Amino acid sequence: MKILSVIRQVPDAESSLRAANDSIDLSNTRLVMDTMDEYGVEEALRLREAGSGIEVIALAVGRASSEEILRGALAMGADRAIHVKTDLVLDPVALSGVVAKIVVAEGVELVLCGGRQTDWDSEALGAAVAERLGWPQLTWTNELALKEGALTGRHDVDEGSEGFTVALPAVVTTQQGLNEPRFPTLPNLMKARKKELRTETLEAYGVVPMVRAVKTEIQSRKRLQEITVAGDDAEGAAAKLAGILRTELKVVA
C-alpha cells in the first residue's frame, strides 16, 4: 500500500515579509514545511509503523527550494520523495491536478494533506483532489487508524466531533491535535541523503495556474493608542469619547 503526503513550502510564521513590485519578496524569508502538512507526514509514518507493507511518499510542487522540505520529510522517515519543480504559484485547484495524476501513476491508496494551506489560506486542496479522483474525503481529522483496507477515526464537525469508518482509497486532511510530529534524528538525517528524491517538471503534467495574482500587498493596522478623556461629568466624557472613536479611529458609525 502507498500513502502520499502532500507538503507545501511556506514562510515561517515568525519571519518578516516585504512587498515589492506587486508581489511578496521572499529572498530574505525563512521557508519551512507548512505546519499542517507536518501532521500529515507524521501520521503517514505512524500508520506505516502500526502496519506492514506500507510505503510513504512525500510530494512537493514548487520552486527549487522545496527540495529542503522534501529532505526534511525523508529525514522524518518518508521512504521516497517527488519534487515537481516550478516557479509558478499554483492555486489549490490547479495543484490538485498534479496530485491526482501522481496518485494514479503511483498507485496511491491514501492521500494526506494539511487541512488549510497557509500560502493560499485555503481548505480547497483536499476537496479538489478527492473530486478529481472520485474518492471520499475526511476533513479535520484528530484520530486515525488503518485496519484491513479501511480507515477508522474521528474528525471535527460543526456539532463537535464524530467517529467514521471509510474504505480505501480516500483523501484525508490533517490538523493540529492529530499527533505530535517527530524531530529527525542524526542517523535519519544521514539516511535521507541516500533516499530517492525524484525531480520532474510541471510541463509533464499539463497543468497551468487557474488563478493569476495581479497585485500583492501586506495589510497593516494602526497601533491602538491610549486615549484619556476628561470631563466634568460622565455624560460629557462619554460624548467626547464617542467623537474620538467616530472621527479618529473610525470604529463608531
C-alpha atoms as a PDB file:
ATOM      1  CA  MET A   1       0.000   0.000   0.000  1.00  0.00           C
ATOM      2  CA  LYS A   2       1.205   3.518  -0.795  1.00  0.00           C
ATOM      3  CA  ILE A   3       0.446   6.698   1.152  1.00  0.00           C
ATOM      4  CA  LEU A   4       1.090  10.089  -0.463  1.00  0.00           C
ATOM      5  CA  SER A   5       1.763  13.011   1.863  1.00  0.00           C
ATOM      6  CA  VAL A   6       1.442  16.370   0.091  1.00  0.00           C
ATOM      7  CA  ILE A   7       3.604  19.090   1.618  1.00  0.00           C
ATOM      8  CA  ARG A   8       3.983  22.807   0.925  1.00  0.00           C
ATOM      9  CA  GLN A   9       6.853  25.214   1.498  1.00  0.00           C
ATOM     10  CA  VAL A  10       5.639  28.425   3.148  1.00  0.00           C
ATOM     11  CA  PRO A  11       7.150  31.386   5.033  1.00  0.00           C
ATOM     12  CA  ASP A  12       7.960  30.770   8.679  1.00  0.00           C
ATOM     13  CA  ALA A  13       5.207  32.307  10.809  1.00  0.00           C
ATOM     14  CA  GLU A  14       7.824  34.312  12.711  1.00  0.00           C
ATOM     15  CA  SER A  15       9.530  35.687   9.604  1.00  0.00           C
ATOM     16  CA  SER A  16       9.023  39.206   8.290  1.00  0.00           C
ATOM     17  CA  LEU A  17       7.549  39.712   4.827  1.00  0.00           C
ATOM     18  CA  ARG A  18       8.144  42.531   2.390  1.00  0.00           C
ATOM     19  CA  ALA A  19       6.013  43.557  -0.586  1.00  0.00           C
ATOM     20  CA  ALA A  20       7.873  44.607  -3.746  1.00  0.00           C
ATOM     21  CA  ASN A  21       6.717  45.113  -7.335  1.00  0.00           C
ATOM     22  CA  ASP A  22       3.185  43.824  -6.692  1.00  0.00           C
ATOM     23  CA  SER A  23       4.490  40.582  -5.153  1.00  0.00           C
ATOM     24  CA  ILE A  24       5.898  39.281  -1.884  1.00  0.00           C
ATOM     25  CA  ASP A  25       9.694  39.311  -1.698  1.00  0.00           C
ATOM     26  CA  LEU A  26      10.796  36.040  -0.064  1.00  0.00           C
ATOM     27  CA  SER A  27      14.532  36.464  -0.683  1.00  0.00           C
ATOM     28  CA  ASN A  28      15.294  37.088   2.996  1.00  0.00           C
ATOM     29  CA  THR A  29      12.466  34.997   4.448  1.00  0.00           C
ATOM     30  CA  ARG A  30      12.938  31.631   6.128  1.00  0.00           C
ATOM     31  CA  LEU A  31      10.842  28.991   4.355  1.00  0.00           C
ATOM     32  CA  VAL A  32       9.583  25.871   6.137  1.00  0.00           C
ATOM     33  CA  MET A  33       7.179  22.961   5.708  1.00  0.00           C
ATOM     34  CA  ASP A  34       3.584  24.017   6.291  1.00  0.00           C
ATOM     35  CA  THR A  35       2.751  23.031   9.874  1.00  0.00           C
ATOM     36  CA  MET A  36      -0.485  21.243   8.984  1.00  0.00           C
ATOM     37  CA  ASP A  37       1.395  19.203   6.372  1.00  0.00           C
ATOM     38  CA  GLU A  38       3.859  18.084   9.049  1.00  0.00           C
ATOM     39  CA  TYR A  39       0.980  16.358  10.826  1.00  0.00           C
ATOM     40  CA  GLY A  40       0.226  14.534   7.570  1.00  0.00           C
ATOM     41  CA  VAL A  41       3.800  13.244   7.213  1.00  0.00           C
ATOM     42  CA  GLU A  42       3.857  12.151  10.854  1.00  0.00           C
ATOM     43  CA  GLU A  43       0.525  10.354  10.568  1.00  0.00           C
ATOM     44  CA  ALA A  44       1.645   8.513   7.425  1.00  0.00           C
ATOM     45  CA  LEU A  45       4.716   7.306   9.323  1.00  0.00           C
ATOM     46  CA  ARG A  46       2.599   6.173  12.281  1.00  0.00           C
ATOM     47  CA  LEU A  47       0.248   4.240  10.010  1.00  0.00           C
ATOM     48  CA  ARG A  48       3.272   2.526   8.445  1.00  0.00           C
ATOM     49  CA  GLU A  49       4.724   1.695  11.847  1.00  0.00           C
ATOM     50  CA  ALA A  50       1.397   0.227  13.006  1.00  0.00           C
ATOM     51  CA  GLY A  51       1.023  -1.985   9.936  1.00  0.00           C
ATOM     52  CA  SER A  52       3.143  -3.630   7.292  1.00  0.00           C
ATOM     53  CA  GLY A  53       3.851  -3.270   3.605  1.00  0.00           C
ATOM     54  CA  ILE A  54       3.217   0.490   3.578  1.00  0.00           C
ATOM     55  CA  GLU A  55       5.336   2.931   1.558  1.00  0.00           C
ATOM     56  CA  VAL A  56       5.251   6.641   2.421  1.00  0.00           C
ATOM     57  CA  ILE A  57       5.859   9.085  -0.448  1.00  0.00           C
ATOM     58  CA  ALA A  58       6.295  12.827   0.112  1.00  0.00           C
ATOM     59  CA  LEU A  59       5.263  15.188  -2.694  1.00  0.00           C
ATOM     60  CA  ALA A  60       6.047  18.880  -3.120  1.00  0.00           C
ATOM     61  CA  VAL A  61       5.126  21.074  -6.075  1.00  0.00           C
ATOM     62  CA  GLY A  62       7.027  24.337  -6.184  1.00  0.00           C
ATOM     63  CA  ARG A  63      10.274  26.222  -6.520  1.00  0.00           C
ATOM     64  CA  ALA A  64      13.728  24.622  -6.321  1.00  0.00           C
ATOM     65  CA  SER A  65      13.968  25.390  -2.604  1.00  0.00           C
ATOM     66  CA  SER A  66      11.101  22.936  -1.970  1.00  0.00           C
ATOM     67  CA  GLU A  67      13.782  20.257  -2.012  1.00  0.00           C
ATOM     68  CA  GLU A  68      14.632  21.363   1.540  1.00  0.00           C
ATOM     69  CA  ILE A  69      11.257  20.373   2.957  1.00  0.00           C
ATOM     70  CA  LEU A  70      11.313  17.114   0.995  1.00  0.00           C
ATOM     71  CA  ARG A  71      14.680  16.298   2.572  1.00  0.00           C
ATOM     72  CA  GLY A  72      13.055  17.111   5.892  1.00  0.00           C
ATOM     73  CA  ALA A  73      10.222  14.657   5.204  1.00  0.00           C
ATOM     74  CA  LEU A  74      12.753  11.993   4.225  1.00  0.00           C
ATOM     75  CA  ALA A  75      14.674  12.656   7.436  1.00  0.00           C
ATOM     76  CA  MET A  76      11.452  12.212   9.407  1.00  0.00           C
ATOM     77  CA  GLY A  77      11.146   8.776   7.823  1.00  0.00           C
ATOM     78  CA  ALA A  78       9.385   9.003   4.445  1.00  0.00           C
ATOM     79  CA  ASP A  79      10.577   6.291   2.057  1.00  0.00           C
ATOM     80  CA  ARG A  80      10.995   8.487  -1.021  1.00  0.00           C
ATOM     81  CA  ALA A  81      10.030  11.868  -2.408  1.00  0.00           C
ATOM     82  CA  ILE A  82       8.808  13.513  -5.604  1.00  0.00           C
ATOM     83  CA  HIS A  83       9.518  17.140  -6.459  1.00  0.00           C
ATOM     84  CA  VAL A  84       7.541  18.711  -9.296  1.00  0.00           C
ATOM     85  CA  LYS A  85       9.651  21.777  -9.884  1.00  0.00           C
ATOM     86  CA  THR A  86       8.113  25.069 -10.997  1.00  0.00           C
ATOM     87  CA  ASP A  87       8.434  28.768 -10.253  1.00  0.00           C
ATOM     88  CA  LEU A  88       4.741  29.261 -10.958  1.00  0.00           C
ATOM     89  CA  VAL A  89       2.418  29.684  -7.999  1.00  0.00           C
ATOM     90  CA  LEU A  90      -0.359  27.120  -8.366  1.00  0.00           C
ATOM     91  CA  ASP A  91      -3.745  27.715  -6.795  1.00  0.00           C
ATOM     92  CA  PRO A  92      -5.222  24.711  -4.912  1.00  0.00           C
ATOM     93  CA  VAL A  93      -7.470  23.592  -7.782  1.00  0.00           C
ATOM     94  CA  ALA A  94      -4.605  23.610 -10.296  1.00  0.00           C
ATOM     95  CA  LEU A  95      -2.314  21.916  -7.760  1.00  0.00           C
ATOM     96  CA  SER A  96      -4.888  19.172  -7.279  1.00  0.00           C
ATOM     97  CA  GLY A  97      -4.470  18.273 -10.951  1.00  0.00           C
ATOM     98  CA  VAL A  98      -0.806  17.422 -10.379  1.00  0.00           C
ATOM     99  CA  VAL A  99      -1.549  15.496  -7.179  1.00  0.00           C
ATOM    100  CA  ALA A 100      -4.308  13.442  -8.798  1.00  0.00           C
ATOM    101  CA  LYS A 101      -2.121  12.427 -11.747  1.00  0.00           C
ATOM    102  CA  ILE A 102       0.696  11.344  -9.444  1.00  0.00           C
ATOM    103  CA  VAL A 103      -1.762   9.364  -7.316  1.00  0.00           C
ATOM    104  CA  VAL A 104      -2.899   7.424 -10.379  1.00  0.00           C
ATOM    105  CA  ALA A 105       0.623   6.918 -11.742  1.00  0.00           C
ATOM    106  CA  GLU A 106       1.988   5.705  -8.403  1.00  0.00           C
ATOM    107  CA  GLY A 107      -0.986   3.553  -7.413  1.00  0.00           C
ATOM    108  CA  VAL A 108      -1.552   5.502  -4.182  1.00  0.00           C
ATOM    109  CA  GLU A 109      -4.467   4.467  -1.949  1.00  0.00           C
ATOM    110  CA  LEU A 110      -4.362   7.188   0.707  1.00  0.00           C
ATOM    111  CA  VAL A 111      -3.612  10.908   0.294  1.00  0.00           C
ATOM    112  CA  LEU A 112      -2.810  13.069   3.324  1.00  0.00           C
ATOM    113  CA  CYS A 113      -2.618  16.864   3.135  1.00  0.00           C
ATOM    114  CA  GLY A 114      -2.997  19.790   5.514  1.00  0.00           C
ATOM    115  CA  GLY A 115      -6.487  20.970   6.339  1.00  0.00           C
ATOM    116  CA  ARG A 116      -5.594  24.518   5.292  1.00  0.00           C
ATOM    117  CA  GLN A 117      -2.775  25.701   3.028  1.00  0.00           C
ATOM    118  CA  THR A 118      -1.017  28.657   4.637  1.00  0.00           C
ATOM    119  CA  ASP A 119       0.138  30.306   1.419  1.00  0.00           C
ATOM    120  CA  TRP A 120      -3.405  30.488  -0.014  1.00  0.00           C
ATOM    121  CA  ASP A 121      -5.236  30.416   3.337  1.00  0.00           C
ATOM    122  CA  SER A 122      -7.447  27.828   1.661  1.00  0.00           C
ATOM    123  CA  GLU A 123      -9.051  24.490   2.537  1.00  0.00           C
ATOM    124  CA  ALA A 124      -9.674  23.589  -1.109  1.00  0.00           C
ATOM    125  CA  LEU A 125      -6.779  21.238  -1.900  1.00  0.00           C
ATOM    126  CA  GLY A 126      -8.071  18.092  -0.205  1.00  0.00           C
ATOM    127  CA  ALA A 127     -11.576  18.549  -1.609  1.00  0.00           C
ATOM    128  CA  ALA A 128     -10.275  19.226  -5.134  1.00  0.00           C
ATOM    129  CA  VAL A 129      -8.053  16.117  -5.092  1.00  0.00           C
ATOM    130  CA  ALA A 130     -10.945  13.970  -3.835  1.00  0.00           C
ATOM    131  CA  GLU A 131     -13.234  15.370  -6.533  1.00  0.00           C
ATOM    132  CA  ARG A 132     -10.756  14.660  -9.332  1.00  0.00           C
ATOM    133  CA  LEU A 133     -10.223  11.091  -8.137  1.00  0.00           C
ATOM    134  CA  GLY A 134     -13.844  10.410  -7.195  1.00  0.00           C
ATOM    135  CA  TRP A 135     -12.708   9.364  -3.694  1.00  0.00           C
ATOM    136  CA  PRO A 136     -14.295  10.031  -0.299  1.00  0.00           C
ATOM    137  CA  GLN A 137     -12.724  12.790   1.795  1.00  0.00           C
ATOM    138  CA  LEU A 138     -12.348  13.056   5.586  1.00  0.00           C
ATOM    139  CA  THR A 139     -11.570  16.557   6.844  1.00  0.00           C
ATOM    140  CA  TRP A 140     -10.029  17.942  10.036  1.00  0.00           C
ATOM    141  CA  THR A 141      -9.095  14.526  11.438  1.00  0.00           C
ATOM    142  CA  ASN A 142      -7.846  14.190  15.008  1.00  0.00           C
ATOM    143  CA  GLU A 143      -7.569  10.391  15.162  1.00  0.00           C
ATOM    144  CA  LEU A 144      -6.714   7.769  12.509  1.00  0.00           C
ATOM    145  CA  ALA A 145      -6.203   4.008  12.375  1.00  0.00           C
ATOM    146  CA  LEU A 146      -5.829   1.625   9.428  1.00  0.00           C
ATOM    147  CA  LYS A 147      -7.093  -1.950   9.508  1.00  0.00           C
ATOM    148  CA  GLU A 148      -7.927  -4.401   6.729  1.00  0.00           C
ATOM    149  CA  GLY A 149      -8.136  -1.785   3.995  1.00  0.00           C
ATOM    150  CA  ALA A 150     -10.318   0.654   5.932  1.00  0.00           C
ATOM    151  CA  LEU A 151      -9.696   3.835   7.885  1.00  0.00           C
ATOM    152  CA  THR A 152     -11.338   4.489  11.219  1.00  0.00           C
ATOM    153  CA  GLY A 153     -11.001   7.555  13.378  1.00  0.00           C
ATOM    154  CA  ARG A 154     -12.552  10.808  14.473  1.00  0.00           C
ATOM    155  CA  HIS A 155     -12.758  14.289  12.999  1.00  0.00           C
ATOM    156  CA  ASP A 156     -14.111  17.706  13.865  1.00  0.00           C
ATOM    157  CA  VAL A 157     -17.571  18.686  12.623  1.00  0.00           C
ATOM    158  CA  ASP A 158     -19.806  21.683  13.279  1.00  0.00           C
ATOM    159  CA  GLU A 159     -21.536  19.909  16.156  1.00  0.00           C
ATOM    160  CA  GLY A 160     -18.272  18.805  17.800  1.00  0.00           C
ATOM    161  CA  SER A 161     -16.554  15.520  16.931  1.00  0.00           C
ATOM    162  CA  GLU A 162     -17.733  12.335  15.240  1.00  0.00           C
ATOM    163  CA  GLY A 163     -16.306   8.893  14.500  1.00  0.00           C
ATOM    164  CA  PHE A 164     -16.032   7.457  10.999  1.00  0.00           C
ATOM    165  CA  THR A 165     -15.107   4.359   9.029  1.00  0.00           C
ATOM    166  CA  VAL A 166     -14.264   4.579   5.345  1.00  0.00           C
ATOM    167  CA  ALA A 167     -12.938   2.047   2.857  1.00  0.00           C
ATOM    168  CA  LEU A 168      -9.816   2.965   0.930  1.00  0.00           C
ATOM    169  CA  PRO A 169      -8.927   4.713  -1.301  1.00  0.00           C
ATOM    170  CA  ALA A 170      -9.533   8.064   0.390  1.00  0.00           C
ATOM    171  CA  VAL A 171      -8.271  11.619   0.890  1.00  0.00           C
ATOM    172  CA  VAL A 172      -7.685  12.825   4.459  1.00  0.00           C
ATOM    173  CA  THR A 173      -6.866  16.343   5.673  1.00  0.00           C
ATOM    174  CA  THR A 174      -4.838  16.766   8.852  1.00  0.00           C
ATOM    175  CA  GLN A 175      -4.595  19.329  11.626  1.00  0.00           C
ATOM    176  CA  GLN A 176      -3.030  20.133  14.964  1.00  0.00           C
ATOM    177  CA  GLY A 177      -4.065  17.628  17.606  1.00  0.00           C
ATOM    178  CA  LEU A 178      -3.847  14.603  15.313  1.00  0.00           C
ATOM    179  CA  ASN A 179      -0.318  13.869  16.521  1.00  0.00           C
ATOM    180  CA  GLU A 180       2.974  15.437  17.567  1.00  0.00           C
ATOM    181  CA  PRO A 181       5.442  15.476  14.624  1.00  0.00           C
ATOM    182  CA  ARG A 182       8.810  13.936  15.389  1.00  0.00           C
ATOM    183  CA  PHE A 183      12.183  15.645  15.063  1.00  0.00           C
ATOM    184  CA  PRO A 184      14.600  13.971  12.634  1.00  0.00           C
ATOM    185  CA  THR A 185      17.441  12.134  14.370  1.00  0.00           C
ATOM    186  CA  LEU A 186      21.037  12.387  13.195  1.00  0.00           C
ATOM    187  CA  PRO A 187      21.019   8.811  11.773  1.00  0.00           C
ATOM    188  CA  ASN A 188      17.832   9.578   9.840  1.00  0.00           C
ATOM    189  CA  LEU A 189      19.322  12.820   8.531  1.00  0.00           C
ATOM    190  CA  MET A 190      22.221  10.774   7.148  1.00  0.00           C
ATOM    191  CA  LYS A 191      19.882   8.152   5.672  1.00  0.00           C
ATOM    192  CA  ALA A 192      17.793  10.866   3.991  1.00  0.00           C
ATOM    193  CA  ARG A 193      20.734  11.778   1.757  1.00  0.00           C
ATOM    194  CA  LYS A 194      20.615   8.329   0.185  1.00  0.00           C
ATOM    195  CA  LYS A 195      16.859   8.091  -0.301  1.00  0.00           C
ATOM    196  CA  GLU A 196      15.245   8.651  -3.682  1.00  0.00           C
ATOM    197  CA  LEU A 197      14.174  12.207  -4.465  1.00  0.00           C
ATOM    198  CA  ARG A 198      12.801  12.278  -7.999  1.00  0.00           C
ATOM    199  CA  THR A 199      12.563  15.618  -9.776  1.00  0.00           C
ATOM    200  CA  GLU A 200      10.033  16.286 -12.514  1.00  0.00           C
ATOM    201  CA  THR A 201       8.784  19.347 -14.386  1.00  0.00           C
ATOM    202  CA  LEU A 202       5.327  20.853 -14.211  1.00  0.00           C
ATOM    203  CA  GLU A 203       5.094  20.710 -18.008  1.00  0.00           C
ATOM    204  CA  ALA A 204       4.958  16.915 -17.786  1.00  0.00           C
ATOM    205  CA  TYR A 205       1.541  17.197 -16.137  1.00  0.00           C
ATOM    206  CA  GLY A 206      -0.024  19.784 -18.435  1.00  0.00           C
ATOM    207  CA  VAL A 207      -1.213  21.913 -15.520  1.00  0.00           C
ATOM    208  CA  VAL A 208      -1.356  25.713 -15.533  1.00  0.00           C
ATOM    209  CA  PRO A 209      -2.490  28.129 -12.806  1.00  0.00           C
ATOM    210  CA  MET A 210      -6.215  28.823 -12.864  1.00  0.00           C
ATOM    211  CA  VAL A 211      -5.881  31.946 -10.714  1.00  0.00           C
ATOM    212  CA  ARG A 212      -3.487  34.774 -11.539  1.00  0.00           C
ATOM    213  CA  ALA A 213      -2.300  37.140  -8.814  1.00  0.00           C
ATOM    214  CA  VAL A 214      -2.351  40.696 -10.159  1.00  0.00           C
ATOM    215  CA  LYS A 215      -1.199  42.557  -7.061  1.00  0.00           C
ATOM    216  CA  THR A 216       0.121  41.673  -3.627  1.00  0.00           C
ATOM    217  CA  GLU A 217       0.162  43.863  -0.566  1.00  0.00           C
ATOM    218  CA  ILE A 218       0.833  43.415   3.122  1.00  0.00           C
ATOM    219  CA  GLN A 219      -2.013  44.679   5.257  1.00  0.00           C
ATOM    220  CA  SER A 220      -1.138  46.591   8.384  1.00  0.00           C
ATOM    221  CA  ARG A 221      -3.158  48.101  11.154  1.00  0.00           C
ATOM    222  CA  LYS A 222      -2.501  51.222  13.152  1.00  0.00           C
ATOM    223  CA  ARG A 223      -1.405  50.508  16.670  1.00  0.00           C
ATOM    224  CA  LEU A 224      -4.124  51.334  19.140  1.00  0.00           C
ATOM    225  CA  GLN A 225      -3.303  54.439  21.122  1.00  0.00           C
ATOM    226  CA  GLU A 226      -4.099  55.237  24.707  1.00  0.00           C
ATOM    227  CA  ILE A 227      -6.933  57.744  24.976  1.00  0.00           C
ATOM    228  CA  THR A 228      -7.587  59.876  28.029  1.00  0.00           C
ATOM    229  CA  VAL A 229     -10.909  61.677  28.161  1.00  0.00           C
ATOM    230  CA  ALA A 230     -11.545  64.258  30.841  1.00  0.00           C
ATOM    231  CA  GLY A 231     -14.920  65.767  31.577  1.00  0.00           C
ATOM    232  CA  ASP A 232     -16.918  67.403  34.296  1.00  0.00           C
ATOM    233  CA  ASP A 233     -19.429  64.574  34.243  1.00  0.00           C
ATOM    234  CA  ALA A 234     -19.826  61.051  32.888  1.00  0.00           C
ATOM    235  CA  GLU A 235     -22.231  62.131  30.139  1.00  0.00           C
ATOM    236  CA  GLY A 236     -19.820  64.761  28.809  1.00  0.00           C
ATOM    237  CA  ALA A 237     -16.859  62.356  28.892  1.00  0.00           C
ATOM    238  CA  ALA A 238     -18.877  59.730  27.036  1.00  0.00           C
ATOM    239  CA  ALA A 239     -19.783  62.232  24.316  1.00  0.00           C
ATOM    240  CA  LYS A 240     -16.120  63.207  23.833  1.00  0.00           C
ATOM    241  CA  LEU A 241     -15.071  59.546  23.653  1.00  0.00           C
ATOM    242  CA  ALA A 242     -17.745  58.781  21.066  1.00  0.00           C
ATOM    243  CA  GLY A 243     -16.478  61.696  18.969  1.00  0.00           C
ATOM    244  CA  ILE A 244     -12.890  60.417  19.049  1.00  0.00           C
ATOM    245  CA  LEU A 245     -13.968  56.883  18.119  1.00  0.00           C
ATOM    246  CA  ARG A 246     -16.068  58.201  15.232  1.00  0.00           C
ATOM    247  CA  THR A 247     -13.683  60.744  13.711  1.00  0.00           C
ATOM    248  CA  GLU A 248     -10.205  59.406  14.534  1.00  0.00           C
ATOM    249  CA  LEU A 249     -10.455  55.656  14.933  1.00  0.00           C
ATOM    250  CA  LYS A 250     -13.434  55.085  12.596  1.00  0.00           C
ATOM    251  CA  VAL A 251     -14.934  52.406  14.822  1.00  0.00           C
ATOM    252  CA  VAL A 252     -18.314  54.012  15.507  1.00  0.00           C
ATOM    253  CA  ALA A 253     -20.802  54.595  12.697  1.00  0.00           C
END
